[in-house]
C-alpha atoms as a PDB file:
ATOM      1  CA  MET A   1      -0.130   0.024  -0.004  1.00  0.00           C
ATOM      2  CA  PRO A   2       1.423   3.485  -1.055  1.00  0.00           C
ATOM      3  CA  GLU A   3       2.402   5.729   1.904  1.00  0.00           C
ATOM      4  CA  ALA A   4      -0.329   8.404   2.436  1.00  0.00           C
ATOM      5  CA  LYS A   5       0.375  12.050   1.374  1.00  0.00           C
ATOM      6  CA  PRO A   6       0.698  14.675   4.115  1.00  0.00           C
ATOM      7  CA  LYS A   7      -2.418  16.771   4.391  1.00  0.00           C
ATOM      8  CA  LEU A   8      -2.276  20.578   3.898  1.00  0.00           C
ATOM      9  CA  LEU A   9      -5.076  22.912   4.828  1.00  0.00           C
ATOM     10  CA  ILE A  10      -4.788  26.345   3.272  1.00  0.00           C
ATOM     11  CA  VAL A  11      -6.876  29.090   4.947  1.00  0.00           C
ATOM     12  CA  GLU A  12      -6.438  31.987   2.665  1.00  0.00           C
ATOM     13  CA  GLY A  13      -8.973  34.767   2.031  1.00  0.00           C
ATOM     14  CA  ASP A  14      -6.956  36.165  -1.238  1.00  0.00           C
ATOM     15  CA  LEU A  15      -8.431  33.838  -3.843  1.00  0.00           C
ATOM     16  CA  ASP A  16      -5.438  34.136  -6.241  1.00  0.00           C
ATOM     17  CA  VAL A  17      -2.970  33.350  -3.551  1.00  0.00           C
ATOM     18  CA  ALA A  18      -5.042  30.500  -2.465  1.00  0.00           C
ATOM     19  CA  GLU A  19      -5.437  29.088  -5.890  1.00  0.00           C
ATOM     20  CA  MET A  20      -1.643  29.331  -6.456  1.00  0.00           C
ATOM     21  CA  LEU A  21      -0.864  27.614  -3.263  1.00  0.00           C
ATOM     22  CA  ASN A  22      -3.307  24.831  -3.905  1.00  0.00           C
ATOM     23  CA  ALA A  23      -1.896  24.202  -7.354  1.00  0.00           C
ATOM     24  CA  TYR A  24       1.690  24.439  -6.345  1.00  0.00           C
ATOM     25  CA  PHE A  25       1.370  22.012  -3.351  1.00  0.00           C
ATOM     26  CA  GLY A  26      -0.815  19.781  -5.184  1.00  0.00           C
ATOM     27  CA  VAL A  27       1.815  18.659  -7.454  1.00  0.00           C
ATOM     28  CA  GLN A  28       4.268  18.477  -4.743  1.00  0.00           C
ATOM     29  CA  ASP A  29       2.870  15.111  -3.403  1.00  0.00           C
ATOM     30  CA  TYR A  30       0.587  16.733  -0.840  1.00  0.00           C
ATOM     31  CA  GLU A  31      -3.088  16.231  -0.357  1.00  0.00           C
ATOM     32  CA  VAL A  32      -4.336  19.851  -0.309  1.00  0.00           C
ATOM     33  CA  LYS A  33      -7.549  21.452   0.843  1.00  0.00           C
ATOM     34  CA  THR A  34      -8.280  25.172   0.505  1.00  0.00           C
ATOM     35  CA  VAL A  35     -10.846  27.399   2.265  1.00  0.00           C
ATOM     36  CA  TYR A  36     -11.331  31.116   2.296  1.00  0.00           C
ATOM     37  CA  GLN A  37     -12.659  32.012   5.725  1.00  0.00           C
ATOM     38  CA  GLY A  38     -11.529  31.220   9.289  1.00  0.00           C
ATOM     39  CA  ARG A  39     -14.786  29.563  10.237  1.00  0.00           C
ATOM     40  CA  ASP A  40     -14.396  26.964   7.300  1.00  0.00           C
ATOM     41  CA  GLY A  41     -10.823  26.434   8.392  1.00  0.00           C
ATOM     42  CA  ILE A  42     -12.026  25.370  11.811  1.00  0.00           C
ATOM     43  CA  LYS A  43     -14.627  22.959  10.552  1.00  0.00           C
ATOM     44  CA  ALA A  44     -12.265  21.748   7.856  1.00  0.00           C
ATOM     45  CA  CYS A  45      -9.679  20.629  10.728  1.00  0.00           C
ATOM     46  CA  GLN A  46     -12.446  18.399  12.273  1.00  0.00           C
ATOM     47  CA  THR A  47     -13.284  16.727   8.866  1.00  0.00           C
ATOM     48  CA  PHE A  48     -10.164  16.958   6.834  1.00  0.00           C
ATOM     49  CA  HIS A  49      -7.638  16.232   9.735  1.00  0.00           C
ATOM     50  CA  PRO A  50      -4.609  17.982   8.155  1.00  0.00           C
ATOM     51  CA  ASP A  51      -1.137  17.534   9.150  1.00  0.00           C
ATOM     52  CA  LEU A  52      -0.366  21.337   8.744  1.00  0.00           C
ATOM     53  CA  VAL A  53      -2.273  24.430   8.238  1.00  0.00           C
ATOM     54  CA  ILE A  54      -0.988  27.479   6.184  1.00  0.00           C
ATOM     55  CA  LEU A  55      -3.001  30.338   7.507  1.00  0.00           C
ATOM     56  CA  ASN A  56      -3.243  33.934   6.439  1.00  0.00           C
ATOM     57  CA  ILE A  57      -2.978  36.510   9.216  1.00  0.00           C
ATOM     58  CA  HIS A  58      -5.692  38.436   7.630  1.00  0.00           C
ATOM     59  CA  LEU A  59      -8.922  36.776   7.192  1.00  0.00           C
ATOM     60  CA  PRO A  60     -12.294  38.227   5.933  1.00  0.00           C
ATOM     61  CA  ASP A  61     -14.509  36.798   8.797  1.00  0.00           C
ATOM     62  CA  MET A  62     -12.560  36.610  11.925  1.00  0.00           C
ATOM     63  CA  GLU A  63      -9.211  37.078  13.715  1.00  0.00           C
ATOM     64  CA  SER A  64      -6.713  34.437  12.543  1.00  0.00           C
ATOM     65  CA  SER A  65      -5.284  34.151  16.101  1.00  0.00           C
ATOM     66  CA  ARG A  66      -8.778  33.213  17.193  1.00  0.00           C
ATOM     67  CA  VAL A  67      -8.853  30.383  14.513  1.00  0.00           C
ATOM     68  CA  VAL A  68      -5.794  29.140  15.731  1.00  0.00           C
ATOM     69  CA  ARG A  69      -6.764  29.019  19.423  1.00  0.00           C
ATOM     70  CA  ARG A  70     -10.015  27.414  18.444  1.00  0.00           C
ATOM     71  CA  ILE A  71      -8.338  24.712  16.674  1.00  0.00           C
ATOM     72  CA  HIS A  72      -5.867  24.048  19.465  1.00  0.00           C
ATOM     73  CA  ALA A  73      -8.733  24.114  22.117  1.00  0.00           C
ATOM     74  CA  ASN A  74      -9.900  20.825  20.644  1.00  0.00           C
ATOM     75  CA  ARG A  75      -8.189  17.661  22.011  1.00  0.00           C
ATOM     76  CA  ARG A  76      -8.363  16.099  18.485  1.00  0.00           C
ATOM     77  CA  THR A  77      -6.967  19.030  16.734  1.00  0.00           C
ATOM     78  CA  ALA A  78      -4.543  20.522  19.429  1.00  0.00           C
ATOM     79  CA  HIS A  79      -1.395  18.957  17.764  1.00  0.00           C
ATOM     80  CA  ILE A  80      -1.796  20.551  14.461  1.00  0.00           C
ATOM     81  CA  PRO A  81       1.103  22.873  13.650  1.00  0.00           C
ATOM     82  CA  PHE A  82       0.369  26.290  11.856  1.00  0.00           C
ATOM     83  CA  ILE A  83       2.542  28.408   9.270  1.00  0.00           C
ATOM     84  CA  VAL A  84       1.139  31.934   9.247  1.00  0.00           C
ATOM     85  CA  LEU A  85       1.550  34.200   6.200  1.00  0.00           C
ATOM     86  CA  THR A  86       2.031  37.665   7.398  1.00  0.00           C
ATOM     87  CA  ASP A  87       3.627  41.212   6.221  1.00  0.00           C
ATOM     88  CA  LYS A  88       6.955  42.673   7.237  1.00  0.00           C
ATOM     89  CA  SER A  89       5.169  45.774   8.245  1.00  0.00           C
ATOM     90  CA  GLU A  90       2.937  43.736  10.641  1.00  0.00           C
ATOM     91  CA  PRO A  91       2.938  45.580  14.170  1.00  0.00           C
ATOM     92  CA  PRO A  92       4.574  43.195  16.768  1.00  0.00           C
ATOM     93  CA  GLU A  93       1.292  43.036  18.838  1.00  0.00           C
ATOM     94  CA  ARG A  94      -0.489  41.402  15.805  1.00  0.00           C
ATOM     95  CA  LYS A  95       1.714  38.436  16.302  1.00  0.00           C
ATOM     96  CA  GLU A  96       1.294  38.008  20.154  1.00  0.00           C
ATOM     97  CA  GLY A  97      -1.681  35.873  19.868  1.00  0.00           C
ATOM     98  CA  PHE A  98       0.354  33.206  18.000  1.00  0.00           C
ATOM     99  CA  GLU A  99       3.433  33.252  20.289  1.00  0.00           C
ATOM    100  CA  LEU A 100       2.924  29.802  21.678  1.00  0.00           C
ATOM    101  CA  VAL A 101       1.022  27.849  19.148  1.00  0.00           C
ATOM    102  CA  VAL A 102       2.678  28.526  15.459  1.00  0.00           C
ATOM    103  CA  ALA A 103       5.387  26.667  14.000  1.00  0.00           C
ATOM    104  CA  ASP A 104       6.697  29.539  11.760  1.00  0.00           C
ATOM    105  CA  TYR A 105       5.883  32.771  10.039  1.00  0.00           C
ATOM    106  CA  ILE A 106       6.473  33.694   6.392  1.00  0.00           C
ATOM    107  CA  ASN A 107       6.454  37.087   5.179  1.00  0.00           C
ATOM    108  CA  LYS A 108       4.267  38.258   2.093  1.00  0.00           C
ATOM    109  CA  PRO A 109       5.582  38.504  -0.597  1.00  0.00           C
ATOM    110  CA  PHE A 110       6.969  35.091   0.018  1.00  0.00           C
ATOM    111  CA  ASP A 111       9.096  32.731  -2.187  1.00  0.00           C
ATOM    112  CA  VAL A 112       7.086  29.788  -2.649  1.00  0.00           C
ATOM    113  CA  GLN A 113      10.249  27.718  -2.438  1.00  0.00           C
ATOM    114  CA  GLU A 114      10.783  29.220   0.994  1.00  0.00           C
ATOM    115  CA  LEU A 115       7.422  28.212   1.988  1.00  0.00           C
ATOM    116  CA  ARG A 116       7.921  24.648   0.793  1.00  0.00           C
ATOM    117  CA  LEU A 117      11.032  24.437   2.946  1.00  0.00           C
ATOM    118  CA  CYS A 118       9.023  25.568   5.795  1.00  0.00           C
ATOM    119  CA  VAL A 119       6.200  23.213   5.361  1.00  0.00           C
ATOM    120  CA  ARG A 120       8.795  20.385   4.959  1.00  0.00           C
ATOM    121  CA  ASN A 121      10.745  21.177   8.124  1.00  0.00           C
ATOM    122  CA  SER A 122       7.375  21.718  10.127  1.00  0.00           C
ATOM    123  CA  LEU A 123       5.970  18.380   9.079  1.00  0.00           C
ATOM    124  CA  ARG A 124       9.316  16.758   9.695  1.00  0.00           C
ATOM    125  CA  ARG A 125       9.455  18.106  13.241  1.00  0.00           C
ATOM    126  CA  ALA A 126       5.807  16.944  13.792  1.00  0.00           C
ATOM    127  CA  THR A 127       6.398  13.382  12.486  1.00  0.00           C
ATOM    128  CA  GLN A 128       9.532  12.890  14.449  1.00  0.00           C
ATOM    129  CA  ASP A 129       7.755  13.873  17.598  1.00  0.00           C
ATOM    130  CA  SER A 130      10.392  16.549  18.297  1.00  0.00           C
ATOM    131  CA  LEU A 131      13.293  13.990  18.726  1.00  0.00           C
ATOM    132  CA  THR A 132      15.550  15.795  16.270  1.00  0.00           C
ATOM    133  CA  ASN A 133      15.665  19.397  15.077  1.00  0.00           C
ATOM    134  CA  PRO A 134      14.790  19.676  11.401  1.00  0.00           C
ATOM    135  CA  VAL A 135      17.340  22.294  10.595  1.00  0.00           C
ATOM    136  CA  THR A 136      20.509  21.066  12.439  1.00  0.00           C
ATOM    137  CA  GLY A 137      19.631  17.307  12.713  1.00  0.00           C
ATOM    138  CA  LEU A 138      20.786  17.599  16.412  1.00  0.00           C
ATOM    139  CA  PRO A 139      18.652  15.996  19.130  1.00  0.00           C
ATOM    140  CA  GLU A 140      15.844  17.880  21.047  1.00  0.00           C
ATOM    141  CA  GLY A 141      12.917  17.131  23.334  1.00  0.00           C
ATOM    142  CA  LEU A 142      12.704  13.944  25.046  1.00  0.00           C
ATOM    143  CA  LEU A 143      16.264  12.892  23.798  1.00  0.00           C
ATOM    144  CA  VAL A 144      17.758  15.845  25.412  1.00  0.00           C
ATOM    145  CA  ASP A 145      15.955  15.326  28.643  1.00  0.00           C
ATOM    146  CA  GLU A 146      17.108  11.604  28.888  1.00  0.00           C
ATOM    147  CA  HIS A 147      20.688  12.710  28.474  1.00  0.00           C
ATOM    148  CA  LEU A 148      20.267  15.492  31.157  1.00  0.00           C
ATOM    149  CA  ASN A 149      18.937  12.841  33.603  1.00  0.00           C
ATOM    150  CA  ASP A 150      21.770  10.582  32.930  1.00  0.00           C
ATOM    151  CA  CYS A 151      24.307  13.355  33.296  1.00  0.00           C
ATOM    152  CA  LEU A 152      22.645  14.553  36.552  1.00  0.00           C
ATOM    153  CA  GLU A 153      23.108  11.018  38.037  1.00  0.00           C
ATOM    154  CA  THR A 154      26.768  11.444  37.567  1.00  0.00           C
ATOM    155  CA  PRO A 155      29.097  12.928  40.514  1.00  0.00           C
ATOM    156  CA  THR A 156      30.490  15.777  38.233  1.00  0.00           C
ATOM    157  CA  TRP A 157      29.042  17.317  35.163  1.00  0.00           C
ATOM    158  CA  THR A 158      28.978  20.766  33.213  1.00  0.00           C
ATOM    159  CA  LEU A 159      26.077  22.179  31.152  1.00  0.00           C
ATOM    160  CA  LEU A 160      26.774  24.872  28.532  1.00  0.00           C
ATOM    161  CA  ILE A 161      23.915  26.687  27.044  1.00  0.00           C
ATOM    162  CA  ALA A 162      24.544  28.530  23.787  1.00  0.00           C
ATOM    163  CA  SER A 163      21.875  30.841  22.479  1.00  0.00           C
ATOM    164  CA  LEU A 164      21.261  32.709  19.356  1.00  0.00           C
ATOM    165  CA  GLU A 165      18.991  35.824  20.240  1.00  0.00           C
ATOM    166  CA  ASN A 166      17.030  38.094  17.632  1.00  0.00           C
ATOM    167  CA  LEU A 167      17.154  35.461  15.036  1.00  0.00           C
ATOM    168  CA  ASP A 168      13.391  36.062  14.532  1.00  0.00           C
ATOM    169  CA  ASN A 169      14.357  39.660  13.550  1.00  0.00           C
ATOM    170  CA  PHE A 170      16.960  38.362  10.995  1.00  0.00           C
ATOM    171  CA  ARG A 171      14.407  36.178   9.484  1.00  0.00           C
ATOM    172  CA  GLU A 172      11.903  39.163   9.040  1.00  0.00           C
ATOM    173  CA  VAL A 173      14.575  40.705   6.831  1.00  0.00           C
ATOM    174  CA  TYR A 174      16.314  38.121   5.159  1.00  0.00           C
ATOM    175  CA  GLY A 175      14.123  35.203   5.091  1.00  0.00           C
ATOM    176  CA  PHE A 176      13.477  31.598   6.537  1.00  0.00           C
ATOM    177  CA  VAL A 177      16.054  30.155   4.339  1.00  0.00           C
ATOM    178  CA  ALA A 178      18.755  32.624   5.340  1.00  0.00           C
ATOM    179  CA  SER A 179      17.915  32.154   9.153  1.00  0.00           C
ATOM    180  CA  ASP A 180      17.994  28.354   8.843  1.00  0.00           C
ATOM    181  CA  ASP A 181      21.554  28.703   7.482  1.00  0.00           C
ATOM    182  CA  VAL A 182      22.735  30.757  10.420  1.00  0.00           C
ATOM    183  CA  LEU A 183      21.336  28.133  12.886  1.00  0.00           C
ATOM    184  CA  ARG A 184      22.986  25.257  10.949  1.00  0.00           C
ATOM    185  CA  ALA A 185      26.205  27.162  10.662  1.00  0.00           C
ATOM    186  CA  VAL A 186      26.569  27.925  14.408  1.00  0.00           C
ATOM    187  CA  SER A 187      25.656  24.322  15.395  1.00  0.00           C
ATOM    188  CA  MET A 188      28.228  23.133  12.905  1.00  0.00           C
ATOM    189  CA  MET A 189      30.681  25.485  14.596  1.00  0.00           C
ATOM    190  CA  ILE A 190      30.043  24.299  18.127  1.00  0.00           C
ATOM    191  CA  GLN A 191      30.012  20.787  16.885  1.00  0.00           C
ATOM    192  CA  ASN A 192      33.662  21.213  15.449  1.00  0.00           C
ATOM    193  CA  VAL A 193      34.793  22.736  18.794  1.00  0.00           C
ATOM    194  CA  VAL A 194      33.477  19.771  20.688  1.00  0.00           C
ATOM    195  CA  THR A 195      35.254  17.290  18.388  1.00  0.00           C
ATOM    196  CA  GLU A 196      38.534  19.295  18.821  1.00  0.00           C
ATOM    197  CA  LEU A 197      38.442  19.963  22.390  1.00  0.00           C
ATOM    198  CA  GLY A 198      35.709  18.014  24.052  1.00  0.00           C
ATOM    199  CA  ASP A 199      35.135  14.504  25.358  1.00  0.00           C
ATOM    200  CA  ARG A 200      33.939  11.693  23.021  1.00  0.00           C
ATOM    201  CA  ASN A 201      30.926  11.267  25.363  1.00  0.00           C
ATOM    202  CA  ASP A 202      29.910  14.835  25.373  1.00  0.00           C
ATOM    203  CA  PHE A 203      26.251  15.368  23.985  1.00  0.00           C
ATOM    204  CA  LEU A 204      25.003  18.375  22.048  1.00  0.00           C
ATOM    205  CA  GLY A 205      21.331  19.028  21.371  1.00  0.00           C
ATOM    206  CA  HIS A 206      18.674  21.661  21.427  1.00  0.00           C
ATOM    207  CA  LEU A 207      16.817  23.070  24.646  1.00  0.00           C
ATOM    208  CA  SER A 208      14.635  25.194  22.171  1.00  0.00           C
ATOM    209  CA  PRO A 209      15.014  26.005  18.304  1.00  0.00           C
ATOM    210  CA  THR A 210      17.647  28.772  19.130  1.00  0.00           C
ATOM    211  CA  ASP A 211      19.181  27.350  22.315  1.00  0.00           C
ATOM    212  CA  LEU A 212      21.742  24.684  22.186  1.00  0.00           C
ATOM    213  CA  ILE A 213      22.836  22.699  25.230  1.00  0.00           C
ATOM    214  CA  LEU A 214      26.205  20.781  25.675  1.00  0.00           C
ATOM    215  CA  ILE A 215      26.158  18.052  28.399  1.00  0.00           C
ATOM    216  CA  SER A 216      29.423  16.995  29.649  1.00  0.00           C
ATOM    217  CA  ALA A 217      30.685  14.602  32.529  1.00  0.00           C
ATOM    218  CA  GLN A 218      33.923  16.775  32.648  1.00  0.00           C
ATOM    219  CA  PRO A 219      34.214  19.191  35.648  1.00  0.00           C
ATOM    220  CA  LEU A 220      35.766  21.940  33.857  1.00  0.00           C
ATOM    221  CA  VAL A 221      35.120  22.832  30.042  1.00  0.00           C
ATOM    222  CA  THR A 222      36.727  26.396  30.199  1.00  0.00           C
ATOM    223  CA  PRO A 223      38.836  26.138  27.052  1.00  0.00           C
ATOM    224  CA  LEU A 224      36.042  24.637  25.230  1.00  0.00           C
ATOM    225  CA  GLU A 225      33.552  27.434  26.314  1.00  0.00           C
ATOM    226  CA  GLN A 226      36.272  30.091  25.303  1.00  0.00           C
ATOM    227  CA  ARG A 227      36.743  28.497  21.885  1.00  0.00           C
ATOM    228  CA  ILE A 228      32.970  28.435  21.242  1.00  0.00           C
ATOM    229  CA  ARG A 229      32.412  31.877  22.372  1.00  0.00           C
ATOM    230  CA  SER A 230      35.349  33.417  20.161  1.00  0.00           C
ATOM    231  CA  ARG A 231      34.583  31.305  17.059  1.00  0.00           C
ATOM    232  CA  VAL A 232      30.954  31.977  16.969  1.00  0.00           C
ATOM    233  CA  THR A 233      31.026  35.684  18.027  1.00  0.00           C
ATOM    234  CA  GLN A 234      33.601  36.458  15.426  1.00  0.00           C
ATOM    235  CA  SER A 235      31.463  34.867  12.728  1.00  0.00           C
ATOM    236  CA  LEU A 236      28.110  36.706  13.468  1.00  0.00           C
ATOM    237  CA  GLY A 237      28.866  39.707  11.074  1.00  0.00           C
ATOM    238  CA  TYR A 238      29.529  37.369   8.068  1.00  0.00           C
ATOM    239  CA  PHE A 239      25.820  36.092   8.188  1.00  0.00           C
ATOM    240  CA  TYR A 240      24.783  39.473   6.736  1.00  0.00           C
ATOM    241  CA  PRO A 241      25.216  40.610   3.222  1.00  0.00           C
ATOM    242  CA  ILE A 242      28.143  42.776   2.678  1.00  0.00           C
ATOM    243  CA  LYS A 243      26.167  45.903   2.036  1.00  0.00           C
ATOM    244  CA  ASP A 244      24.462  45.554   5.502  1.00  0.00           C
ATOM    245  CA  ARG A 245      27.459  44.440   7.754  1.00  0.00           C
ATOM    246  CA  GLU A 246      27.991  47.871   9.041  1.00  0.00           C
ATOM    247  CA  LYS A 247      24.614  49.046   9.174  1.00  0.00           C
ATOM    248  CA  THR A 248      22.786  49.576  12.650  1.00  0.00           C
ATOM    249  CA  ASP A 249      19.475  51.137  11.547  1.00  0.00           C
ATOM    250  CA  GLY A 250      16.666  49.624   9.634  1.00  0.00           C
ATOM    251  CA  LEU A 251      17.548  45.794  10.226  1.00  0.00           C
ATOM    252  CA  GLY A 252      16.007  45.503  13.672  1.00  0.00           C
ATOM    253  CA  LYS A 253      18.103  43.879  16.486  1.00  0.00           C
ATOM    254  CA  ARG A 254      21.171  42.060  15.234  1.00  0.00           C
ATOM    255  CA  ILE A 255      21.868  38.681  16.081  1.00  0.00           C
ATOM    256  CA  THR A 256      23.683  38.112  19.221  1.00  0.00           C
ATOM    257  CA  PHE A 257      25.262  35.085  20.877  1.00  0.00           C
ATOM    258  CA  ARG A 258      25.152  34.333  24.517  1.00  0.00           C
ATOM    259  CA  LEU A 259      26.872  31.471  26.370  1.00  0.00           C
ATOM    260  CA  GLY A 260      26.339  30.172  29.990  1.00  0.00           C
ATOM    261  CA  SER A 261      27.474  27.347  32.068  1.00  0.00           C
ATOM    262  CA  LEU A 262      26.275  25.301  35.193  1.00  0.00           C
ATOM    263  CA  HIS A 263      28.391  22.861  37.239  1.00  0.00           C
ATOM    264  CA  SER A 264      27.383  20.176  39.457  1.00  0.00           C
ATOM    265  CA  GLU A 265      29.108  21.709  42.600  1.00  0.00           C
ATOM    266  CA  GLU A 266      26.775  24.570  42.301  1.00  0.00           C
ATOM    267  CA  GLY A 267      24.045  22.621  44.293  1.00  0.00           C
ATOM    268  CA  PHE A 268      21.353  20.158  44.218  1.00  0.00           C
ATOM    269  CA  PHE A 269      18.508  20.710  41.363  1.00  0.00           C
ATOM    270  CA  SER A 270      15.198  19.074  42.222  1.00  0.00           C
ATOM    271  CA  SER A 271      13.971  18.705  38.692  1.00  0.00           C
ATOM    272  CA  LEU A 272      14.944  19.092  35.016  1.00  0.00           C
ATOM    273  CA  ASP A 273      12.750  22.313  34.794  1.00  0.00           C
ATOM    274  CA  ALA A 274      14.922  23.700  37.690  1.00  0.00           C
ATOM    275  CA  VAL A 275      18.191  23.061  35.721  1.00  0.00           C
ATOM    276  CA  LYS A 276      16.830  24.502  32.534  1.00  0.00           C
ATOM    277  CA  ALA A 277      15.610  27.552  34.347  1.00  0.00           C
ATOM    278  CA  SER A 278      19.023  28.195  35.874  1.00  0.00           C
ATOM    279  CA  LEU A 279      20.803  27.662  32.690  1.00  0.00           C
ATOM    280  CA  GLN A 280      18.641  30.476  31.129  1.00  0.00           C
ATOM    281  CA  LEU A 281      19.870  32.697  33.752  1.00  0.00           C
ATOM    282  CA  ARG A 282      23.402  32.019  33.056  1.00  0.00           C
ATOM    283  CA  LYS A 283      23.528  33.213  29.405  1.00  0.00           C
ATOM    284  CA  GLN A 284      25.947  36.159  29.114  1.00  0.00           C
END
């Protein structure tokens, strides 16, 4: 029996865009359903059971954030990821209703190839049950929690958290593909440093899409920490086009890199959540 095609639901009030997306993804080996109003999108999630929804932030009949929350309030559809089509000029408060429930944003006018990659990554993340990050290929979710638990049961350990901040702002200006390239490049830099200076049992994964965690049974990893900070920080400017590298205005907040550490001798931690919260406070 042939493998079932992934199901995409497109909720788009612009008929021309809706027709284009329907035709494009229809020949990309997806099963596609298109509706033009938010209420129809809510109903379609109950009957069509999509694997992912592409949703325009502007709908003719209701607030798009309300559509998302109505769908995620239902136990049967709470797992469905969303990609929201928005505008670069969209005020920040417009996106606040989506903060915790949207897989990604794509700005209009968008590159349909970029949207296709976004759809692929979001579906891969969903089907892998958040075991590996679709951009870097590094472990995340339950796999990271398992390694953290194992590490915390050893007498000595060190945790490093490496964070890319303002990557969303970078993506707003340069697009989804470019921001993925940044995340992938930084993860490879860190992996290379771990290979050069770390222990073969060291573990690297994601705490969040933009937070990487290095788990080590070593008591001190200062040279490794210094090398990661130096290598990544010196490279950040090169992720921008040459014409923009010296700009300070018009690009939003620039990407910054923060690194922090937590060591076994710093105390007893009652839960993984406590460890993760402490790590977030250590970022410098």
